[in-house]
PDB file of N, CA and C in Angstrom:
ATOM      1  N   MET A   1      29.156 -23.280  21.736  1.00  0.00           N
ATOM      2  CA  MET A   1      29.757 -23.675  20.482  1.00  0.00           C
ATOM      3  C   MET A   1      28.053 -24.113  19.990  1.00  0.00           C
ATOM      4  N   ILE A   2      27.537 -24.455  20.884  1.00  0.00           N
ATOM      5  CA  ILE A   2      26.705 -25.468  20.517  1.00  0.00           C
ATOM      6  C   ILE A   2      25.523 -24.059  19.852  1.00  0.00           C
ATOM      7  N   GLN A   3      25.563 -23.295  20.385  1.00  0.00           N
ATOM      8  CA  GLN A   3      24.376 -21.991  20.377  1.00  0.00           C
ATOM      9  C   GLN A   3      24.545 -21.496  18.894  1.00  0.00           C
ATOM     10  N   ALA A   4      25.847 -21.897  18.127  1.00  0.00           N
ATOM     11  CA  ALA A   4      26.346 -21.828  17.150  1.00  0.00           C
ATOM     12  C   ALA A   4      25.878 -22.418  15.803  1.00  0.00           C
ATOM     13  N   LEU A   5      25.847 -24.003  16.622  1.00  0.00           N
ATOM     14  CA  LEU A   5      25.473 -24.924  15.684  1.00  0.00           C
ATOM     15  C   LEU A   5      24.121 -24.831  15.799  1.00  0.00           C
ATOM     16  N   LEU A   6      22.944 -24.296  16.533  1.00  0.00           N
ATOM     17  CA  LEU A   6      21.447 -23.950  16.805  1.00  0.00           C
ATOM     18  C   LEU A   6      21.221 -23.218  15.842  1.00  0.00           C
ATOM     19  N   CYS A   7      22.286 -21.990  15.090  1.00  0.00           N
ATOM     20  CA  CYS A   7      21.957 -20.870  14.246  1.00  0.00           C
ATOM     21  C   CYS A   7      22.039 -21.405  12.619  1.00  0.00           C
ATOM     22  N   LYS A   8      23.177 -22.323  12.822  1.00  0.00           N
ATOM     23  CA  LYS A   8      23.286 -22.634  11.055  1.00  0.00           C
ATOM     24  C   LYS A   8      22.057 -23.954  10.864  1.00  0.00           C
ATOM     25  N   LEU A   9      21.890 -24.793  11.913  1.00  0.00           N
ATOM     26  CA  LEU A   9      20.551 -25.424  11.986  1.00  0.00           C
ATOM     27  C   LEU A   9      19.401 -24.492  11.521  1.00  0.00           C
ATOM     28  N   ASN A  10      19.370 -23.295  11.514  1.00  0.00           N
ATOM     29  CA  ASN A  10      18.405 -22.493  12.048  1.00  0.00           C
ATOM     30  C   ASN A  10      17.245 -23.148  12.457  1.00  0.00           C
ATOM     31  N   VAL A  11      17.173 -23.292  13.725  1.00  0.00           N
ATOM     32  CA  VAL A  11      16.902 -24.535  14.931  1.00  0.00           C
ATOM     33  C   VAL A  11      16.581 -23.224  16.068  1.00  0.00           C
ATOM     34  N   ARG A  12      17.493 -22.286  15.667  1.00  0.00           N
ATOM     35  CA  ARG A  12      17.081 -21.354  17.687  1.00  0.00           C
ATOM     36  C   ARG A  12      18.041 -20.368  16.972  1.00  0.00           C
ATOM     37  N   HIS A  13      17.094 -18.800  16.988  1.00  0.00           N
ATOM     38  CA  HIS A  13      18.262 -17.653  17.205  1.00  0.00           C
ATOM     39  C   HIS A  13      17.992 -16.713  18.418  1.00  0.00           C
ATOM     40  N   GLU A  14      18.958 -15.655  18.687  1.00  0.00           N
ATOM     41  CA  GLU A  14      18.846 -15.104  19.534  1.00  0.00           C
ATOM     42  C   GLU A  14      18.549 -13.751  19.254  1.00  0.00           C
ATOM     43  N   TRP A  15      16.971 -13.551  18.350  1.00  0.00           N
ATOM     44  CA  TRP A  15      16.342 -12.163  18.146  1.00  0.00           C
ATOM     45  C   TRP A  15      16.360 -10.671  19.007  1.00  0.00           C
ATOM     46  N   HIS A  16      17.005  -9.966  18.261  1.00  0.00           N
ATOM     47  CA  HIS A  16      17.000  -8.786  18.943  1.00  0.00           C
ATOM     48  C   HIS A  16      16.354  -7.315  17.843  1.00  0.00           C
ATOM     49  N   LEU A  17      15.668  -6.427  18.100  1.00  0.00           N
ATOM     50  CA  LEU A  17      15.430  -5.325  17.416  1.00  0.00           C
ATOM     51  C   LEU A  17      16.092  -4.251  16.770  1.00  0.00           C
ATOM     52  N   GLU A  18      16.271  -4.678  15.503  1.00  0.00           N
ATOM     53  CA  GLU A  18      17.258  -3.211  14.843  1.00  0.00           C
ATOM     54  C   GLU A  18      16.297  -2.012  14.380  1.00  0.00           C
ATOM     55  N   HIS A  19      16.135  -1.088  13.927  1.00  0.00           N
ATOM     56  CA  HIS A  19      16.336  -0.183  12.794  1.00  0.00           C
ATOM     57  C   HIS A  19      16.487   0.198  11.660  1.00  0.00           C
ATOM     58  N   ALA A  20      15.412   0.141  10.845  1.00  0.00           N
ATOM     59  CA  ALA A  20      15.814   0.391   9.032  1.00  0.00           C
ATOM     60  C   ALA A  20      16.073   2.043   9.045  1.00  0.00           C
ATOM     61  N   GLU A  21      16.178   2.238   8.048  1.00  0.00           N
ATOM     62  CA  GLU A  21      16.381   3.730   7.852  1.00  0.00           C
ATOM     63  C   GLU A  21      15.222   4.201   7.570  1.00  0.00           C
ATOM     64  N   ASP A  22      14.367   3.931   7.165  1.00  0.00           N
ATOM     65  CA  ASP A  22      13.168   4.163   6.540  1.00  0.00           C
ATOM     66  C   ASP A  22      11.820   4.910   8.068  1.00  0.00           C
ATOM     67  N   GLY A  23      12.761   4.312   9.122  1.00  0.00           N
ATOM     68  CA  GLY A  23      11.731   4.724  10.645  1.00  0.00           C
ATOM     69  C   GLY A  23      11.164   2.889  11.417  1.00  0.00           C
ATOM     70  N   GLY A  24      11.124   1.351  10.253  1.00  0.00           N
ATOM     71  CA  GLY A  24      10.927   0.471  10.359  1.00  0.00           C
ATOM     72  C   GLY A  24      11.125   0.212  11.713  1.00  0.00           C
ATOM     73  N   VAL A  25      11.225  -1.216  12.131  1.00  0.00           N
ATOM     74  CA  VAL A  25      12.029  -2.065  12.697  1.00  0.00           C
ATOM     75  C   VAL A  25      11.904  -3.666  12.383  1.00  0.00           C
ATOM     76  N   TYR A  26      12.778  -4.386  12.454  1.00  0.00           N
ATOM     77  CA  TYR A  26      12.759  -5.590  12.387  1.00  0.00           C
ATOM     78  C   TYR A  26      13.769  -6.163  13.441  1.00  0.00           C
ATOM     79  N   ARG A  27      13.835  -7.324  13.296  1.00  0.00           N
ATOM     80  CA  ARG A  27      14.490  -8.673  13.756  1.00  0.00           C
ATOM     81  C   ARG A  27      15.535  -9.654  13.260  1.00  0.00           C
ATOM     82  N   ARG A  28      16.698  -9.180  13.834  1.00  0.00           N
ATOM     83  CA  ARG A  28      18.439  -9.675  13.317  1.00  0.00           C
ATOM     84  C   ARG A  28      18.746 -10.927  14.648  1.00  0.00           C
ATOM     85  N   CYS A  29      19.157 -11.574  14.015  1.00  0.00           N
ATOM     86  CA  CYS A  29      20.439 -12.784  15.230  1.00  0.00           C
ATOM     87  C   CYS A  29      21.190 -12.009  15.484  1.00  0.00           C
ATOM     88  N   ARG A  30      21.465 -12.284  16.943  1.00  0.00           N
ATOM     89  CA  ARG A  30      22.461 -11.552  17.510  1.00  0.00           C
ATOM     90  C   ARG A  30      23.807 -12.225  17.363  1.00  0.00           C
ATOM     91  N   ARG A  31      23.593 -13.556  17.317  1.00  0.00           N
ATOM     92  CA  ARG A  31      24.982 -14.192  17.119  1.00  0.00           C
ATOM     93  C   ARG A  31      24.827 -14.208  15.429  1.00  0.00           C
ATOM     94  N   CYS A  32      24.414 -14.687  14.633  1.00  0.00           N
ATOM     95  CA  CYS A  32      25.377 -14.621  13.576  1.00  0.00           C
ATOM     96  C   CYS A  32      24.130 -14.020  12.018  1.00  0.00           C
ATOM     97  N   GLY A  33      23.502 -12.817  12.818  1.00  0.00           N
ATOM     98  CA  GLY A  33      23.298 -11.674  11.715  1.00  0.00           C
ATOM     99  C   GLY A  33      22.300 -11.873  10.626  1.00  0.00           C
ATOM    100  N   LYS A  34      21.299 -13.176  10.711  1.00  0.00           N
ATOM    101  CA  LYS A  34      20.401 -13.087   9.597  1.00  0.00           C
ATOM    102  C   LYS A  34      18.978 -12.509  10.412  1.00  0.00           C
ATOM    103  N   ASP A  35      18.570 -11.775   9.439  1.00  0.00           N
ATOM    104  CA  ASP A  35      17.524 -11.633   9.391  1.00  0.00           C
ATOM    105  C   ASP A  35      16.323 -12.009   9.166  1.00  0.00           C
ATOM    106  N   ASP A  36      14.980 -11.927  10.234  1.00  0.00           N
ATOM    107  CA  ASP A  36      13.894 -12.606  10.514  1.00  0.00           C
ATOM    108  C   ASP A  36      13.040 -12.603   9.061  1.00  0.00           C
ATOM    109  N   ASP A  37      12.736 -13.705   8.587  1.00  0.00           N
ATOM    110  CA  ASP A  37      12.231 -14.043   7.491  1.00  0.00           C
ATOM    111  C   ASP A  37      10.296 -13.885   7.379  1.00  0.00           C
ATOM    112  N   GLN A  38      10.175 -13.639   8.827  1.00  0.00           N
ATOM    113  CA  GLN A  38       9.192 -13.544   8.996  1.00  0.00           C
ATOM    114  C   GLN A  38       8.564 -12.233   9.406  1.00  0.00           C
ATOM    115  N   ARG A  39       9.481 -11.310   9.147  1.00  0.00           N
ATOM    116  CA  ARG A  39       9.046  -9.795   9.054  1.00  0.00           C
ATOM    117  C   ARG A  39       7.659  -9.145   8.282  1.00  0.00           C
ATOM    118  N   SER A  40       7.767  -9.564   7.005  1.00  0.00           N
ATOM    119  CA  SER A  40       6.423  -9.207   6.460  1.00  0.00           C
ATOM    120  C   SER A  40       5.268  -9.695   6.518  1.00  0.00           C
ATOM    121  N   GLU A  41       5.033 -10.843   7.316  1.00  0.00           N
ATOM    122  CA  GLU A  41       4.092 -11.712   8.241  1.00  0.00           C
ATOM    123  C   GLU A  41       3.709 -10.592   9.197  1.00  0.00           C
ATOM    124  N   ARG A  42       4.405 -10.052  10.023  1.00  0.00           N
ATOM    125  CA  ARG A  42       4.049  -9.109  11.097  1.00  0.00           C
ATOM    126  C   ARG A  42       3.977  -7.319  10.673  1.00  0.00           C
ATOM    127  N   GLY A  43       3.735  -6.849   9.865  1.00  0.00           N
ATOM    128  CA  GLY A  43       3.151  -5.739   9.270  1.00  0.00           C
ATOM    129  C   GLY A  43       4.499  -5.180   8.964  1.00  0.00           C
ATOM    130  N   LYS A  44       5.245  -5.381   7.849  1.00  0.00           N
ATOM    131  CA  LYS A  44       6.274  -5.037   6.901  1.00  0.00           C
ATOM    132  C   LYS A  44       7.680  -3.873   8.449  1.00  0.00           C
ATOM    133  N   GLY A  45       7.099  -4.322   9.536  1.00  0.00           N
ATOM    134  CA  GLY A  45       8.348  -3.512   9.751  1.00  0.00           C
ATOM    135  C   GLY A  45       7.417  -2.374  10.809  1.00  0.00           C
ATOM    136  N   ASP A  46       6.471  -2.112  10.740  1.00  0.00           N
ATOM    137  CA  ASP A  46       5.525  -1.255  11.520  1.00  0.00           C
ATOM    138  C   ASP A  46       5.643  -1.732  13.177  1.00  0.00           C
ATOM    139  N   PHE A  47       6.514  -0.774  13.711  1.00  0.00           N
ATOM    140  CA  PHE A  47       6.418  -0.897  15.449  1.00  0.00           C
ATOM    141  C   PHE A  47       5.211  -0.530  15.814  1.00  0.00           C
ATOM    142  N   SER A  48       3.917  -0.132  15.885  1.00  0.00           N
ATOM    143  CA  SER A  48       2.766  -0.133  15.806  1.00  0.00           C
ATOM    144  C   SER A  48       2.592  -1.360  16.114  1.00  0.00           C
ATOM    145  N   THR A  49       2.481  -2.616  15.328  1.00  0.00           N
ATOM    146  CA  THR A  49       2.240  -3.743  15.179  1.00  0.00           C
ATOM    147  C   THR A  49       2.994  -4.853  15.821  1.00  0.00           C
ATOM    148  N   TRP A  50       4.355  -4.624  16.372  1.00  0.00           N
ATOM    149  CA  TRP A  50       5.105  -5.007  17.902  1.00  0.00           C
ATOM    150  C   TRP A  50       4.121  -4.814  18.928  1.00  0.00           C
ATOM    151  N   ILE A  51       3.822  -3.188  19.470  1.00  0.00           N
ATOM    152  CA  ILE A  51       3.040  -3.209  20.490  1.00  0.00           C
ATOM    153  C   ILE A  51       1.731  -3.096  20.708  1.00  0.00           C
ATOM    154  N   GLY A  52       1.054  -3.733  19.417  1.00  0.00           N
ATOM    155  CA  GLY A  52      -0.342  -4.325  19.697  1.00  0.00           C
ATOM    156  C   GLY A  52      -0.976  -2.419  19.690  1.00  0.00           C
ATOM    157  N   LEU A  53      -0.632  -1.821  18.803  1.00  0.00           N
ATOM    158  CA  LEU A  53      -1.259  -0.985  18.102  1.00  0.00           C
ATOM    159  C   LEU A  53      -2.583  -0.886  17.162  1.00  0.00           C
ATOM    160  N   SER A  54      -3.752  -0.774  16.807  1.00  0.00           N
ATOM    161  CA  SER A  54      -4.296  -0.875  15.214  1.00  0.00           C
ATOM    162  C   SER A  54      -3.921   0.331  14.747  1.00  0.00           C
ATOM    163  N   GLY A  55      -4.041   0.281  13.461  1.00  0.00           N
ATOM    164  CA  GLY A  55      -3.550   1.454  12.522  1.00  0.00           C
ATOM    165  C   GLY A  55      -4.629   2.094  12.296  1.00  0.00           C
ATOM    166  N   GLY A  56      -6.014   2.245  12.918  1.00  0.00           N
ATOM    167  CA  GLY A  56      -7.312   2.113  12.026  1.00  0.00           C
ATOM    168  C   GLY A  56      -7.798   3.380  12.763  1.00  0.00           C
TER     169      GLY A  56
END
């Protein structure tokens, strides 16, 4: 019950990786289904940025 409240208050989510149709990845909360808003700041779903590879 407390976990659901934390999601509703946007304090803590239980993130896991999801795969998009275009091959990218993004994070989604297991409990409430919310997508991570910070995705665009982390490389727009490019998997190489998640594992620390440079694109250059």
